[in-house]
Amino acid sequence: MDILQKIIETKKKEVAEQRKHISVRELERSEFFERPVISMSQAIRHKAPVGIIAEFKRRSPSKGNIYNDALVPQVVEGYEEAGCAGISVLTDSQYFGGSLADFKVARGSVQVPLLRKEFIIDEFQLIESKSAGADLILLIAEVLDSKEVLHLSRTARSLGMEVLLEMHTDSQLPKINEYINIVGINNRNLKTFEVDLDASIKLLHQLPDDFIRISESGLSDPAAVVKLIDAGFEGFLVGENFMKTKMPGIACAEFRQAILELKNRK
């Protein structure tokens, strides 16, 4: 069993346990449930050509501890100041050191759109996401079949949230549907954790033009991001590159500036 399968098995147990402790009705009474959603799609377009979704992530299965004692308000406020299009917050506890509590703190700290970065397998998690103030939810094509993607994306949109579908291979292209807002190509193979930007560019050229298209993972070189912009990517999800520093917001601002300077030289 690879790490992704382990995470999904753990997630099934977690969701079953959560259902015992809190009802959908209770989640719907959250202070964030009725708040207007901020469009991540529009934010990425507005920040073009460098629409960065900056990530709050304490650790990962591949890298171990990244910034375990990071304070949510300090990091997300720094990202907002840096001019990011939006922020991604990891909420998986066992493998990434995150929590839904982290997400709620982030929601109360910034006014940019927030992505709940989670392994979503059940519509209960969508209600959770809405109750925590999520603007965008992640669906991972690697762990969901076409019917599951359709059901979860349609349900998310009915709740007012936008949907990011993450994929890695062309075999996952048929899982795209009309309820998806953003298609993300993960440069990292979730089974081997190897990064291949050229493979992502090849897959990009097979995507329909009517979706926002973003590149995810392994983005640490401004020149590589410029290459991806030139290939047609409109946004970029960046996590470890910022979180491995003690001042992620400043790292984000410097990264954006370096990309813009390289673009302007062309």
Protein backbone atom coordinates (compact mmCIF):
# COMPACT_ATOMS: atom_id res chain seq x y z
CA MET A 1 0.00 0.00 0.00
CA ASP A 2 1.50 3.37 -1.06
CA ILE A 3 1.31 6.55 1.03
CA LEU A 4 -1.70 7.92 -0.87
CA GLN A 5 -3.71 4.75 -0.21
CA LYS A 6 -2.74 4.93 3.48
CA ILE A 7 -3.93 8.54 3.68
CA ILE A 8 -7.29 7.68 2.09
CA GLU A 9 -7.83 4.72 4.42
CA THR A 10 -7.10 6.98 7.39
CA LYS A 11 -9.42 9.65 5.98
CA LYS A 12 -12.36 7.23 5.71
CA LYS A 13 -12.01 6.43 9.40
CA GLU A 14 -11.66 10.11 10.33
CA VAL A 15 -14.83 11.09 8.43
CA ALA A 16 -16.82 8.26 10.01
CA GLU A 17 -15.64 9.44 13.44
CA GLN A 18 -16.43 13.09 12.73
CA ARG A 19 -20.01 12.20 11.73
CA LYS A 20 -20.49 10.79 15.25
CA HIS A 21 -19.42 14.03 16.93
CA ILE A 22 -21.05 16.78 14.90
CA SER A 23 -24.18 16.90 12.77
CA VAL A 24 -24.74 18.61 9.44
CA ARG A 25 -27.25 20.89 11.17
CA GLU A 26 -24.61 22.01 13.66
CA LEU A 27 -22.13 22.69 10.87
CA GLU A 28 -24.73 24.77 9.04
CA ARG A 29 -25.06 27.01 12.11
CA SER A 30 -21.41 28.07 11.84
CA GLU A 31 -20.68 31.81 11.69
CA PHE A 32 -18.95 31.27 8.33
CA PHE A 33 -21.62 29.14 6.64
CA GLU A 34 -23.61 32.01 5.12
CA ARG A 35 -20.68 34.29 4.26
CA PRO A 36 -20.34 35.23 0.57
CA VAL A 37 -17.68 33.19 -1.23
CA ILE A 38 -14.67 35.02 -2.68
CA SER A 39 -13.85 33.69 -6.15
CA MET A 40 -10.40 32.14 -6.43
CA SER A 41 -10.86 31.99 -10.22
CA GLN A 42 -11.33 35.74 -10.46
CA ALA A 43 -8.47 36.40 -8.03
CA ILE A 44 -6.05 34.35 -10.16
CA ARG A 45 -7.10 36.22 -13.31
CA HIS A 46 -6.77 39.55 -11.49
CA LYS A 47 -3.20 38.73 -10.40
CA ALA A 48 -2.09 37.54 -13.86
CA PRO A 49 0.52 36.66 -14.97
CA VAL A 50 1.60 35.62 -11.45
CA GLY A 51 -1.49 34.28 -9.66
CA ILE A 52 0.04 32.49 -6.70
CA ILE A 53 -1.92 30.40 -4.21
CA ALA A 54 0.45 30.37 -1.23
CA GLU A 55 0.18 27.40 1.09
CA PHE A 56 0.19 27.02 4.85
CA LYS A 57 1.72 23.61 5.52
CA ARG A 58 3.53 22.42 8.65
CA ARG A 59 4.84 19.10 7.35
CA SER A 60 4.41 16.48 4.62
CA PRO A 61 4.97 12.72 4.24
CA SER A 62 7.81 13.32 1.77
CA LYS A 63 9.64 16.16 3.57
CA GLY A 64 8.77 15.54 7.23
CA ASN A 65 8.65 18.69 9.39
CA ILE A 66 8.76 21.88 7.33
CA TYR A 67 7.71 24.58 9.83
CA ASN A 68 5.98 22.72 12.63
CA ASP A 69 5.54 25.65 15.02
CA ALA A 70 4.31 28.12 12.39
CA LEU A 71 1.59 30.51 13.59
CA VAL A 72 -1.39 30.67 11.24
CA PRO A 73 -2.18 34.44 11.53
CA GLN A 74 1.44 35.48 11.05
CA VAL A 75 1.89 33.33 7.95
CA VAL A 76 -1.43 34.00 6.19
CA GLU A 77 -1.34 37.74 6.88
CA GLY A 78 2.17 37.77 5.39
CA TYR A 79 0.89 36.00 2.30
CA GLU A 80 -1.96 38.48 1.89
CA GLU A 81 0.51 41.38 2.21
CA ALA A 82 2.74 39.73 -0.40
CA GLY A 83 -0.05 39.99 -2.96
CA CYS A 84 -0.98 36.34 -3.39
CA ALA A 85 -4.17 35.50 -5.30
CA GLY A 86 -5.27 33.19 -2.52
CA ILE A 87 -4.14 30.89 0.27
CA SER A 88 -4.26 27.12 0.64
CA VAL A 89 -4.50 25.71 4.17
CA LEU A 90 -3.76 22.03 4.88
CA THR A 91 -6.32 20.54 7.24
CA ASP A 92 -5.10 16.92 7.36
CA SER A 93 -3.73 16.26 10.84
CA GLN A 94 -1.96 12.90 10.78
CA TYR A 95 0.18 13.37 7.67
CA PHE A 96 0.43 17.16 7.28
CA GLY A 97 0.05 18.53 10.82
CA GLY A 98 -2.95 20.69 9.92
CA SER A 99 -6.48 21.02 11.25
CA LEU A 100 -9.86 22.56 10.55
CA ALA A 101 -9.10 24.87 13.48
CA ASP A 102 -6.10 26.21 11.51
CA PHE A 103 -8.41 26.91 8.61
CA LYS A 104 -10.90 28.83 10.75
CA VAL A 105 -8.10 30.96 12.20
CA ALA A 106 -6.92 31.72 8.66
CA ARG A 107 -10.46 32.63 7.62
CA GLY A 108 -10.69 35.12 10.46
CA SER A 109 -7.29 36.62 9.62
CA VAL A 110 -7.42 37.47 5.88
CA GLN A 111 -9.78 38.62 3.15
CA VAL A 112 -8.31 36.67 0.22
CA PRO A 113 -9.95 33.47 -1.08
CA LEU A 114 -9.06 30.29 0.84
CA LEU A 115 -8.63 26.76 -0.46
CA ARG A 116 -9.25 23.92 1.96
CA LYS A 117 -6.41 21.53 1.04
CA GLU A 118 -7.77 18.16 2.09
CA PHE A 119 -8.31 14.62 0.82
CA ILE A 120 -12.03 14.97 0.18
CA ILE A 121 -13.88 11.69 -0.30
CA ASP A 122 -17.29 12.41 1.25
CA GLU A 123 -19.88 15.18 0.94
CA PHE A 124 -19.78 15.58 4.74
CA GLN A 125 -16.34 17.15 4.26
CA LEU A 126 -17.90 19.69 1.90
CA ILE A 127 -20.32 20.83 4.61
CA GLU A 128 -17.34 21.04 6.98
CA SER A 129 -15.47 23.14 4.45
CA LYS A 130 -18.35 25.55 3.98
CA SER A 131 -18.78 25.85 7.76
CA ALA A 132 -15.10 26.73 8.13
CA GLY A 133 -15.32 29.50 5.51
CA ALA A 134 -13.79 27.79 2.47
CA ASP A 135 -14.09 29.50 -0.91
CA LEU A 136 -12.55 26.64 -2.89
CA ILE A 137 -12.29 22.91 -2.26
CA LEU A 138 -9.85 20.38 -3.69
CA LEU A 139 -10.81 17.14 -5.41
CA ILE A 140 -7.96 14.76 -6.30
CA ALA A 141 -8.54 12.80 -9.51
CA GLU A 142 -6.07 10.14 -8.37
CA VAL A 143 -8.36 8.99 -5.54
CA LEU A 144 -11.86 9.60 -6.99
CA ASP A 145 -13.66 8.04 -9.94
CA SER A 146 -15.64 10.13 -12.46
CA LYS A 147 -18.98 9.67 -10.67
CA GLU A 148 -17.47 10.70 -7.35
CA VAL A 149 -15.86 13.79 -8.89
CA LEU A 150 -19.18 14.73 -10.50
CA HIS A 151 -21.19 14.25 -7.31
CA LEU A 152 -18.73 16.09 -5.05
CA SER A 153 -18.12 18.96 -7.46
CA ARG A 154 -21.85 19.46 -8.07
CA THR A 155 -22.51 19.40 -4.33
CA ALA A 156 -19.70 21.89 -3.63
CA ARG A 157 -21.04 24.27 -6.25
CA SER A 158 -24.57 23.96 -4.82
CA LEU A 159 -23.07 25.17 -1.53
CA GLY A 160 -21.57 28.16 -3.32
CA MET A 161 -17.94 27.04 -3.28
CA GLU A 162 -15.62 26.77 -6.26
CA VAL A 163 -13.88 23.50 -7.18
CA LEU A 164 -10.25 22.71 -7.99
CA LEU A 165 -9.72 19.34 -9.66
CA GLU A 166 -6.14 18.14 -9.34
CA MET A 167 -4.74 15.65 -11.84
CA HIS A 168 -1.40 14.19 -12.87
CA THR A 169 -1.96 12.02 -15.97
CA ASP A 170 -3.96 12.20 -19.20
CA SER A 171 -6.01 9.17 -18.11
CA GLN A 172 -7.70 11.51 -15.60
CA LEU A 173 -8.87 14.03 -18.22
CA PRO A 174 -12.35 12.43 -18.57
CA LYS A 175 -13.00 13.28 -14.89
CA ILE A 176 -13.29 16.99 -15.74
CA ASN A 177 -16.92 18.16 -15.68
CA GLU A 178 -18.97 21.36 -15.99
CA TYR A 179 -18.86 22.04 -12.22
CA ILE A 180 -15.07 22.36 -12.10
CA ASN A 181 -13.71 25.93 -11.93
CA ILE A 182 -9.96 25.33 -11.83
CA VAL A 183 -7.90 22.41 -13.12
CA GLY A 184 -4.60 21.88 -11.34
CA ILE A 185 -1.79 19.78 -12.74
CA ASN A 186 0.32 18.32 -9.96
CA ASN A 187 3.96 18.25 -11.02
CA ARG A 188 4.59 15.70 -8.26
CA ASN A 189 3.58 12.08 -8.68
CA LEU A 190 1.61 11.38 -5.49
CA LYS A 191 2.78 7.77 -5.44
CA THR A 192 6.51 8.31 -5.99
CA PHE A 193 6.80 12.04 -5.07
CA GLU A 194 8.96 12.65 -8.17
CA VAL A 195 8.55 16.08 -9.86
CA ASP A 196 8.41 16.51 -13.66
CA LEU A 197 7.49 19.95 -15.05
CA ASP A 198 7.78 18.87 -18.69
CA ALA A 199 5.17 16.15 -18.17
CA SER A 200 2.86 18.80 -16.72
CA ILE A 201 3.28 21.04 -19.77
CA LYS A 202 2.40 18.14 -22.09
CA LEU A 203 -0.76 17.48 -20.07
CA LEU A 204 -1.64 21.20 -20.05
CA HIS A 205 -1.90 21.20 -23.84
CA GLN A 206 -4.61 18.53 -23.60
CA LEU A 207 -6.83 20.56 -21.26
CA PRO A 208 -9.92 22.45 -22.44
CA ASP A 209 -9.42 26.23 -22.64
CA ASP A 210 -12.53 27.09 -20.61
CA PHE A 211 -10.97 26.36 -17.19
CA ILE A 212 -8.44 28.27 -15.12
CA ARG A 213 -5.29 26.11 -15.30
CA ILE A 214 -2.76 26.06 -12.49
CA SER A 215 0.51 24.27 -11.78
CA GLU A 216 1.08 22.65 -8.39
CA SER A 217 4.06 21.35 -6.37
CA GLY A 218 7.82 21.48 -6.77
CA LEU A 219 7.86 25.18 -7.68
CA SER A 220 11.00 26.79 -6.25
CA ASP A 221 12.71 28.35 -9.28
CA PRO A 222 11.27 31.64 -10.69
CA ALA A 223 12.68 30.76 -14.13
CA ALA A 224 10.72 27.48 -14.10
CA VAL A 225 7.53 29.39 -13.25
CA VAL A 226 8.14 31.77 -16.18
CA LYS A 227 8.50 28.70 -18.42
CA LEU A 228 5.15 27.44 -17.13
CA ILE A 229 3.51 30.86 -17.66
CA ASP A 230 4.77 30.90 -21.24
CA ALA A 231 3.34 27.39 -21.70
CA GLY A 232 -0.12 28.64 -20.68
CA PHE A 233 -0.50 28.15 -16.92
CA GLU A 234 -2.45 30.96 -15.23
CA GLY A 235 -1.79 30.23 -11.57
CA PHE A 236 0.61 28.42 -9.26
CA LEU A 237 0.14 26.65 -5.94
CA VAL A 238 3.35 27.03 -3.91
CA GLY A 239 3.88 25.63 -0.42
CA GLU A 240 7.19 24.20 0.73
CA ASN A 241 9.25 26.87 -0.98
CA PHE A 242 7.74 29.52 1.32
CA MET A 243 7.10 27.45 4.43
CA LYS A 244 10.69 26.23 4.70
CA THR A 245 11.69 29.82 5.55
CA LYS A 246 10.98 31.59 8.85
CA MET A 247 9.18 34.42 7.04
CA PRO A 248 6.91 32.77 4.42
CA GLY A 249 5.18 36.04 3.52
CA ILE A 250 8.46 37.75 2.64
CA ALA A 251 9.58 34.65 0.69
CA CYS A 252 6.31 34.82 -1.27
CA ALA A 253 6.74 38.52 -2.07
CA GLU A 254 10.33 38.01 -3.22
CA PHE A 255 9.34 35.01 -5.35
CA ARG A 256 6.55 36.98 -7.08
CA GLN A 257 8.91 39.89 -7.70
CA ALA A 258 11.59 37.63 -9.18
CA ILE A 259 9.07 36.11 -11.59
CA LEU A 260 7.78 39.53 -12.68
CA GLU A 261 11.33 40.79 -13.26
CA LEU A 262 12.16 37.76 -15.42
CA LYS A 263 8.94 38.23 -17.40
CA ASN A 264 9.67 41.93 -17.97
CA ARG A 265 13.13 41.15 -19.37
CA LYS A 266 11.62 39.10 -22.19
